[in-house]
Amino acid sequence: MDPKDLDLIEELAPHNPELAALWREHLELEARLERLAGRRYLTPQEELEVKRLKKIKLAGRDRIEAILAEHRRGQDGK
């Protein structure tokens, strides 16, 4: 994620519970995916879990991006 986005998330999260929850979930999913990626071999169930986690992470990231875009549009109008 872009450093500017990370700074904006840091700024907005304390005031936006949805963004804060999405960001926490994003970090947790990233950690789980890293643990699975560190394994030498994945079972078929683990491979499915990786795909599932990636889909959830992507959906969350899309929502985070939408929140940031809404904020930026609001800033442009000020």
PDB file of N, CA and C in Angstrom:
ATOM      1  N   MET A   1       0.851  -1.181   0.000  1.00  0.00           N
ATOM      2  CA  MET A   1       0.000   0.000   0.000  1.00  0.00           C
ATOM      3  C   MET A   1       0.894   1.240   0.000  1.00  0.00           C
ATOM      4  N   ASP A   2       0.431   2.245  -0.681  1.00  0.00           N
ATOM      5  CA  ASP A   2       1.156   3.505  -0.832  1.00  0.00           C
ATOM      6  C   ASP A   2       1.404   4.155   0.536  1.00  0.00           C
ATOM      7  N   PRO A   3       2.596   4.703   0.766  1.00  0.00           N
ATOM      8  CA  PRO A   3       2.878   5.359   2.056  1.00  0.00           C
ATOM      9  C   PRO A   3       1.877   6.477   2.394  1.00  0.00           C
ATOM     10  N   LYS A   4       1.407   7.202   1.372  1.00  0.00           N
ATOM     11  CA  LYS A   4       0.408   8.245   1.627  1.00  0.00           C
ATOM     12  C   LYS A   4      -0.890   7.635   2.140  1.00  0.00           C
ATOM     13  N   ASP A   5      -1.266   6.468   1.583  1.00  0.00           N
ATOM     14  CA  ASP A   5      -2.465   5.776   2.042  1.00  0.00           C
ATOM     15  C   ASP A   5      -2.294   5.318   3.491  1.00  0.00           C
ATOM     16  N   LEU A   6      -1.110   4.796   3.804  1.00  0.00           N
ATOM     17  CA  LEU A   6      -0.854   4.342   5.173  1.00  0.00           C
ATOM     18  C   LEU A   6      -0.948   5.506   6.158  1.00  0.00           C
ATOM     19  N   ASP A   7      -0.398   6.651   5.778  1.00  0.00           N
ATOM     20  CA  ASP A   7      -0.488   7.839   6.636  1.00  0.00           C
ATOM     21  C   ASP A   7      -1.932   8.257   6.825  1.00  0.00           C
ATOM     22  N   LEU A   8      -2.719   8.218   5.747  1.00  0.00           N
ATOM     23  CA  LEU A   8      -4.116   8.615   5.833  1.00  0.00           C
ATOM     24  C   LEU A   8      -4.917   7.634   6.682  1.00  0.00           C
ATOM     25  N   ILE A   9      -4.638   6.344   6.550  1.00  0.00           N
ATOM     26  CA  ILE A   9      -5.303   5.339   7.386  1.00  0.00           C
ATOM     27  C   ILE A   9      -4.997   5.616   8.853  1.00  0.00           C
ATOM     28  N   GLU A  10      -3.740   5.881   9.142  1.00  0.00           N
ATOM     29  CA  GLU A  10      -3.325   6.180  10.510  1.00  0.00           C
ATOM     30  C   GLU A  10      -4.056   7.404  11.067  1.00  0.00           C
ATOM     31  N   GLU A  11      -4.256   8.392  10.205  1.00  0.00           N
ATOM     32  CA  GLU A  11      -4.927   9.618  10.614  1.00  0.00           C
ATOM     33  C   GLU A  11      -6.430   9.408  10.819  1.00  0.00           C
ATOM     34  N   LEU A  12      -7.052   8.647   9.930  1.00  0.00           N
ATOM     35  CA  LEU A  12      -8.507   8.508   9.952  1.00  0.00           C
ATOM     36  C   LEU A  12      -9.027   7.405  10.868  1.00  0.00           C
ATOM     37  N   ALA A  13      -8.255   6.349  11.049  1.00  0.00           N
ATOM     38  CA  ALA A  13      -8.723   5.177  11.794  1.00  0.00           C
ATOM     39  C   ALA A  13      -9.266   5.504  13.189  1.00  0.00           C
ATOM     40  N   PRO A  14      -8.619   6.394  13.960  1.00  0.00           N
ATOM     41  CA  PRO A  14      -9.173   6.675  15.288  1.00  0.00           C
ATOM     42  C   PRO A  14     -10.576   7.306  15.256  1.00  0.00           C
ATOM     43  N   HIS A  15     -10.935   7.884  14.117  1.00  0.00           N
ATOM     44  CA  HIS A  15     -12.221   8.566  13.998  1.00  0.00           C
ATOM     45  C   HIS A  15     -13.216   7.789  13.145  1.00  0.00           C
ATOM     46  N   ASN A  16     -12.777   6.684  12.566  1.00  0.00           N
ATOM     47  CA  ASN A  16     -13.630   5.901  11.675  1.00  0.00           C
ATOM     48  C   ASN A  16     -13.541   4.432  12.089  1.00  0.00           C
ATOM     49  N   PRO A  17     -14.525   3.963  12.885  1.00  0.00           N
ATOM     50  CA  PRO A  17     -14.474   2.579  13.382  1.00  0.00           C
ATOM     51  C   PRO A  17     -14.449   1.527  12.264  1.00  0.00           C
ATOM     52  N   GLU A  18     -15.159   1.788  11.171  1.00  0.00           N
ATOM     53  CA  GLU A  18     -15.155   0.824  10.068  1.00  0.00           C
ATOM     54  C   GLU A  18     -13.749   0.693   9.480  1.00  0.00           C
ATOM     55  N   LEU A  19     -13.114   1.814   9.231  1.00  0.00           N
ATOM     56  CA  LEU A  19     -11.759   1.804   8.686  1.00  0.00           C
ATOM     57  C   LEU A  19     -10.799   1.117   9.655  1.00  0.00           C
ATOM     58  N   ALA A  20     -10.917   1.418  10.933  1.00  0.00           N
ATOM     59  CA  ALA A  20     -10.036   0.808  11.929  1.00  0.00           C
ATOM     60  C   ALA A  20     -10.200  -0.714  11.928  1.00  0.00           C
ATOM     61  N   ALA A  21     -11.446  -1.178  11.885  1.00  0.00           N
ATOM     62  CA  ALA A  21     -11.701  -2.622  11.885  1.00  0.00           C
ATOM     63  C   ALA A  21     -11.187  -3.272  10.607  1.00  0.00           C
ATOM     64  N   LEU A  22     -11.408  -2.616   9.482  1.00  0.00           N
ATOM     65  CA  LEU A  22     -10.913  -3.154   8.207  1.00  0.00           C
ATOM     66  C   LEU A  22      -9.388  -3.233   8.191  1.00  0.00           C
ATOM     67  N   TRP A  23      -8.737  -2.231   8.728  1.00  0.00           N
ATOM     68  CA  TRP A  23      -7.274  -2.218   8.743  1.00  0.00           C
ATOM     69  C   TRP A  23      -6.723  -3.316   9.654  1.00  0.00           C
ATOM     70  N   ARG A  24      -7.350  -3.481  10.834  1.00  0.00           N
ATOM     71  CA  ARG A  24      -6.923  -4.569  11.733  1.00  0.00           C
ATOM     72  C   ARG A  24      -7.082  -5.922  11.040  1.00  0.00           C
ATOM     73  N   GLU A  25      -8.229  -6.112  10.393  1.00  0.00           N
ATOM     74  CA  GLU A  25      -8.475  -7.369   9.691  1.00  0.00           C
ATOM     75  C   GLU A  25      -7.443  -7.567   8.573  1.00  0.00           C
ATOM     76  N   HIS A  26      -7.141  -6.510   7.843  1.00  0.00           N
ATOM     77  CA  HIS A  26      -6.148  -6.577   6.762  1.00  0.00           C
ATOM     78  C   HIS A  26      -4.803  -7.060   7.300  1.00  0.00           C
ATOM     79  N   LEU A  27      -4.374  -6.487   8.409  1.00  0.00           N
ATOM     80  CA  LEU A  27      -3.086  -6.868   8.997  1.00  0.00           C
ATOM     81  C   LEU A  27      -3.107  -8.308   9.503  1.00  0.00           C
ATOM     82  N   GLU A  28      -4.225  -8.725  10.103  1.00  0.00           N
ATOM     83  CA  GLU A  28      -4.347 -10.104  10.591  1.00  0.00           C
ATOM     84  C   GLU A  28      -4.314 -11.100   9.431  1.00  0.00           C
ATOM     85  N   LEU A  29      -5.037 -10.780   8.364  1.00  0.00           N
ATOM     86  CA  LEU A  29      -5.047 -11.663   7.194  1.00  0.00           C
ATOM     87  C   LEU A  29      -3.656 -11.747   6.572  1.00  0.00           C
ATOM     88  N   GLU A  30      -2.987 -10.615   6.504  1.00  0.00           N
ATOM     89  CA  GLU A  30      -1.626 -10.598   5.958  1.00  0.00           C
ATOM     90  C   GLU A  30      -0.702 -11.503   6.775  1.00  0.00           C
ATOM     91  N   ALA A  31      -0.812 -11.429   8.078  1.00  0.00           N
ATOM     92  CA  ALA A  31       0.025 -12.268   8.948  1.00  0.00           C
ATOM     93  C   ALA A  31      -0.292 -13.747   8.748  1.00  0.00           C
ATOM     94  N   ARG A  32      -1.586 -14.085   8.640  1.00  0.00           N
ATOM     95  CA  ARG A  32      -1.964 -15.482   8.427  1.00  0.00           C
ATOM     96  C   ARG A  32      -1.445 -15.991   7.083  1.00  0.00           C
ATOM     97  N   LEU A  33      -1.547 -15.146   6.063  1.00  0.00           N
ATOM     98  CA  LEU A  33      -1.060 -15.543   4.739  1.00  0.00           C
ATOM     99  C   LEU A  33       0.456 -15.715   4.741  1.00  0.00           C
ATOM    100  N   GLU A  34       1.149 -14.856   5.449  1.00  0.00           N
ATOM    101  CA  GLU A  34       2.610 -14.987   5.536  1.00  0.00           C
ATOM    102  C   GLU A  34       3.007 -16.282   6.226  1.00  0.00           C
ATOM    103  N   ARG A  35       2.275 -16.647   7.290  1.00  0.00           N
ATOM    104  CA  ARG A  35       2.575 -17.911   7.981  1.00  0.00           C
ATOM    105  C   ARG A  35       2.374 -19.097   7.040  1.00  0.00           C
ATOM    106  N   LEU A  36       1.288 -19.065   6.275  1.00  0.00           N
ATOM    107  CA  LEU A  36       1.033 -20.162   5.347  1.00  0.00           C
ATOM    108  C   LEU A  36       2.066 -20.176   4.222  1.00  0.00           C
ATOM    109  N   ALA A  37       2.460 -19.012   3.753  1.00  0.00           N
ATOM    110  CA  ALA A  37       3.455 -18.933   2.679  1.00  0.00           C
ATOM    111  C   ALA A  37       4.813 -19.449   3.144  1.00  0.00           C
ATOM    112  N   GLY A  38       5.065 -19.392   4.426  1.00  0.00           N
ATOM    113  CA  GLY A  38       6.339 -19.849   4.965  1.00  0.00           C
ATOM    114  C   GLY A  38       6.452 -21.355   5.070  1.00  0.00           C
ATOM    115  N   ARG A  39       5.363 -22.041   4.844  1.00  0.00           N
ATOM    116  CA  ARG A  39       5.407 -23.501   4.913  1.00  0.00           C
ATOM    117  C   ARG A  39       5.991 -24.079   3.630  1.00  0.00           C
ATOM    118  N   ARG A  40       6.659 -25.173   3.797  1.00  0.00           N
ATOM    119  CA  ARG A  40       7.274 -25.835   2.658  1.00  0.00           C
ATOM    120  C   ARG A  40       6.214 -26.485   1.763  1.00  0.00           C
ATOM    121  N   TYR A  41       5.168 -26.981   2.378  1.00  0.00           N
ATOM    122  CA  TYR A  41       4.131 -27.698   1.643  1.00  0.00           C
ATOM    123  C   TYR A  41       2.779 -27.325   2.235  1.00  0.00           C
ATOM    124  N   LEU A  42       1.800 -27.108   1.362  1.00  0.00           N
ATOM    125  CA  LEU A  42       0.444 -26.834   1.820  1.00  0.00           C
ATOM    126  C   LEU A  42      -0.465 -27.992   1.431  1.00  0.00           C
ATOM    127  N   THR A  43      -1.308 -28.369   2.366  1.00  0.00           N
ATOM    128  CA  THR A  43      -2.313 -29.386   2.058  1.00  0.00           C
ATOM    129  C   THR A  43      -3.356 -28.752   1.140  1.00  0.00           C
ATOM    130  N   PRO A  44      -4.152 -29.571   0.481  1.00  0.00           N
ATOM    131  CA  PRO A  44      -5.219 -29.001  -0.357  1.00  0.00           C
ATOM    132  C   PRO A  44      -6.157 -28.085   0.441  1.00  0.00           C
ATOM    133  N   GLN A  45      -6.414 -28.437   1.685  1.00  0.00           N
ATOM    134  CA  GLN A  45      -7.261 -27.585   2.539  1.00  0.00           C
ATOM    135  C   GLN A  45      -6.580 -26.245   2.805  1.00  0.00           C
ATOM    136  N   GLU A  46      -5.280 -26.282   3.051  1.00  0.00           N
ATOM    137  CA  GLU A  46      -4.544 -25.047   3.284  1.00  0.00           C
ATOM    138  C   GLU A  46      -4.491 -24.184   2.026  1.00  0.00           C
ATOM    139  N   GLU A  47      -4.376 -24.815   0.868  1.00  0.00           N
ATOM    140  CA  GLU A  47      -4.396 -24.060  -0.382  1.00  0.00           C
ATOM    141  C   GLU A  47      -5.733 -23.353  -0.571  1.00  0.00           C
ATOM    142  N   LEU A  48      -6.821 -24.041  -0.239  1.00  0.00           N
ATOM    143  CA  LEU A  48      -8.149 -23.424  -0.303  1.00  0.00           C
ATOM    144  C   LEU A  48      -8.256 -22.274   0.696  1.00  0.00           C
ATOM    145  N   GLU A  49      -7.677 -22.470   1.870  1.00  0.00           N
ATOM    146  CA  GLU A  49      -7.694 -21.424   2.894  1.00  0.00           C
ATOM    147  C   GLU A  49      -6.943 -20.182   2.413  1.00  0.00           C
ATOM    148  N   VAL A  50      -5.820 -20.380   1.739  1.00  0.00           N
ATOM    149  CA  VAL A  50      -5.055 -19.258   1.195  1.00  0.00           C
ATOM    150  C   VAL A  50      -5.918 -18.487   0.199  1.00  0.00           C
ATOM    151  N   LYS A  51      -6.586 -19.184  -0.690  1.00  0.00           N
ATOM    152  CA  LYS A  51      -7.449 -18.526  -1.672  1.00  0.00           C
ATOM    153  C   LYS A  51      -8.571 -17.754  -0.978  1.00  0.00           C
ATOM    154  N   ARG A  52      -9.178 -18.368   0.037  1.00  0.00           N
ATOM    155  CA  ARG A  52     -10.269 -17.727   0.772  1.00  0.00           C
ATOM    156  C   ARG A  52      -9.777 -16.466   1.473  1.00  0.00           C
ATOM    157  N   LEU A  53      -8.635 -16.565   2.135  1.00  0.00           N
ATOM    158  CA  LEU A  53      -8.081 -15.416   2.849  1.00  0.00           C
ATOM    159  C   LEU A  53      -7.735 -14.281   1.894  1.00  0.00           C
ATOM    160  N   LYS A  54      -7.195 -14.626   0.730  1.00  0.00           N
ATOM    161  CA  LYS A  54      -6.838 -13.603  -0.260  1.00  0.00           C
ATOM    162  C   LYS A  54      -8.086 -12.869  -0.758  1.00  0.00           C
ATOM    163  N   LYS A  55      -9.175 -13.595  -0.956  1.00  0.00           N
ATOM    164  CA  LYS A  55     -10.422 -12.967  -1.401  1.00  0.00           C
ATOM    165  C   LYS A  55     -10.957 -12.011  -0.344  1.00  0.00           C
ATOM    166  N   ILE A  56     -10.919 -12.440   0.909  1.00  0.00           N
ATOM    167  CA  ILE A  56     -11.392 -11.594   2.004  1.00  0.00           C
ATOM    168  C   ILE A  56     -10.513 -10.353   2.112  1.00  0.00           C
ATOM    169  N   LYS A  57      -9.210 -10.556   2.021  1.00  0.00           N
ATOM    170  CA  LYS A  57      -8.266  -9.446   2.118  1.00  0.00           C
ATOM    171  C   LYS A  57      -8.483  -8.446   0.986  1.00  0.00           C
ATOM    172  N   LEU A  58      -8.695  -8.947  -0.226  1.00  0.00           N
ATOM    173  CA  LEU A  58      -8.928  -8.072  -1.370  1.00  0.00           C
ATOM    174  C   LEU A  58     -10.218  -7.268  -1.210  1.00  0.00           C
ATOM    175  N   ALA A  59     -11.270  -7.913  -0.745  1.00  0.00           N
ATOM    176  CA  ALA A  59     -12.537  -7.205  -0.531  1.00  0.00           C
ATOM    177  C   ALA A  59     -12.363  -6.113   0.520  1.00  0.00           C
ATOM    178  N   GLY A  60     -11.642  -6.416   1.580  1.00  0.00           N
ATOM    179  CA  GLY A  60     -11.384  -5.420   2.616  1.00  0.00           C
ATOM    180  C   GLY A  60     -10.543  -4.275   2.096  1.00  0.00           C
ATOM    181  N   ARG A  61      -9.557  -4.597   1.312  1.00  0.00           N
ATOM    182  CA  ARG A  61      -8.701  -3.551   0.746  1.00  0.00           C
ATOM    183  C   ARG A  61      -9.495  -2.645  -0.197  1.00  0.00           C
ATOM    184  N   ASP A  62     -10.390  -3.254  -0.970  1.00  0.00           N
ATOM    185  CA  ASP A  62     -11.244  -2.457  -1.849  1.00  0.00           C
ATOM    186  C   ASP A  62     -12.089  -1.480  -1.035  1.00  0.00           C
ATOM    187  N   ARG A  63     -12.617  -1.937   0.080  1.00  0.00           N
ATOM    188  CA  ARG A  63     -13.439  -1.057   0.926  1.00  0.00           C
ATOM    189  C   ARG A  63     -12.571   0.034   1.561  1.00  0.00           C
ATOM    190  N   ILE A  64     -11.372  -0.316   1.997  1.00  0.00           N
ATOM    191  CA  ILE A  64     -10.448   0.680   2.549  1.00  0.00           C
ATOM    192  C   ILE A  64     -10.163   1.747   1.494  1.00  0.00           C
ATOM    193  N   GLU A  65      -9.875   1.322   0.280  1.00  0.00           N
ATOM    194  CA  GLU A  65      -9.604   2.262  -0.805  1.00  0.00           C
ATOM    195  C   GLU A  65     -10.810   3.168  -1.057  1.00  0.00           C
ATOM    196  N   ALA A  66     -12.009   2.605  -0.970  1.00  0.00           N
ATOM    197  CA  ALA A  66     -13.218   3.408  -1.174  1.00  0.00           C
ATOM    198  C   ALA A  66     -13.376   4.454  -0.072  1.00  0.00           C
ATOM    199  N   ILE A  67     -13.094   4.076   1.167  1.00  0.00           N
ATOM    200  CA  ILE A  67     -13.177   5.020   2.283  1.00  0.00           C
ATOM    201  C   ILE A  67     -12.166   6.146   2.089  1.00  0.00           C
ATOM    202  N   LEU A  68     -10.950   5.795   1.702  1.00  0.00           N
ATOM    203  CA  LEU A  68      -9.919   6.811   1.473  1.00  0.00           C
ATOM    204  C   LEU A  68     -10.318   7.735   0.321  1.00  0.00           C
ATOM    205  N   ALA A  69     -10.887   7.168  -0.737  1.00  0.00           N
ATOM    206  CA  ALA A  69     -11.313   7.977  -1.883  1.00  0.00           C
ATOM    207  C   ALA A  69     -12.440   8.928  -1.472  1.00  0.00           C
ATOM    208  N   GLU A  70     -13.388   8.439  -0.650  1.00  0.00           N
ATOM    209  CA  GLU A  70     -14.474   9.299  -0.156  1.00  0.00           C
ATOM    210  C   GLU A  70     -13.901  10.459   0.650  1.00  0.00           C
ATOM    211  N   HIS A  71     -12.936  10.151   1.486  1.00  0.00           N
ATOM    212  CA  HIS A  71     -12.310  11.204   2.299  1.00  0.00           C
ATOM    213  C   HIS A  71     -11.616  12.234   1.402  1.00  0.00           C
ATOM    214  N   ARG A  72     -10.885  11.749   0.418  1.00  0.00           N
ATOM    215  CA  ARG A  72     -10.176  12.670  -0.474  1.00  0.00           C
ATOM    216  C   ARG A  72     -11.146  13.552  -1.263  1.00  0.00           C
ATOM    217  N   ARG A  73     -12.266  12.970  -1.718  1.00  0.00           N
ATOM    218  CA  ARG A  73     -13.274  13.767  -2.426  1.00  0.00           C
ATOM    219  C   ARG A  73     -13.839  14.833  -1.511  1.00  0.00           C
ATOM    220  N   GLY A  74     -14.063  14.483  -0.251  1.00  0.00           N
ATOM    221  CA  GLY A  74     -14.565  15.440   0.720  1.00  0.00           C
ATOM    222  C   GLY A  74     -13.567  16.547   0.974  1.00  0.00           C
ATOM    223  N   GLN A  75     -12.283  16.222   0.963  1.00  0.00           N
ATOM    224  CA  GLN A  75     -11.229  17.229   1.166  1.00  0.00           C
ATOM    225  C   GLN A  75     -11.140  18.185  -0.024  1.00  0.00           C
ATOM    226  N   ASP A  76     -11.368  17.636  -1.230  1.00  0.00           N
ATOM    227  CA  ASP A  76     -11.297  18.475  -2.424  1.00  0.00           C
ATOM    228  C   ASP A  76     -12.425  19.497  -2.450  1.00  0.00           C
ATOM    229  N   GLY A  77     -13.553  19.145  -1.845  1.00  0.00           N
ATOM    230  CA  GLY A  77     -14.701  20.039  -1.838  1.00  0.00           C
ATOM    231  C   GLY A  77     -14.621  21.128  -0.795  1.00  0.00           C
ATOM    232  N   LYS A  78     -13.633  21.039   0.076  1.00  0.00           N
ATOM    233  CA  LYS A  78     -13.516  22.035   1.157  1.00  0.00           C
ATOM    234  C   LYS A  78     -12.731  23.240   0.719  1.00  0.00           C
TER     235      LYS A  78
END
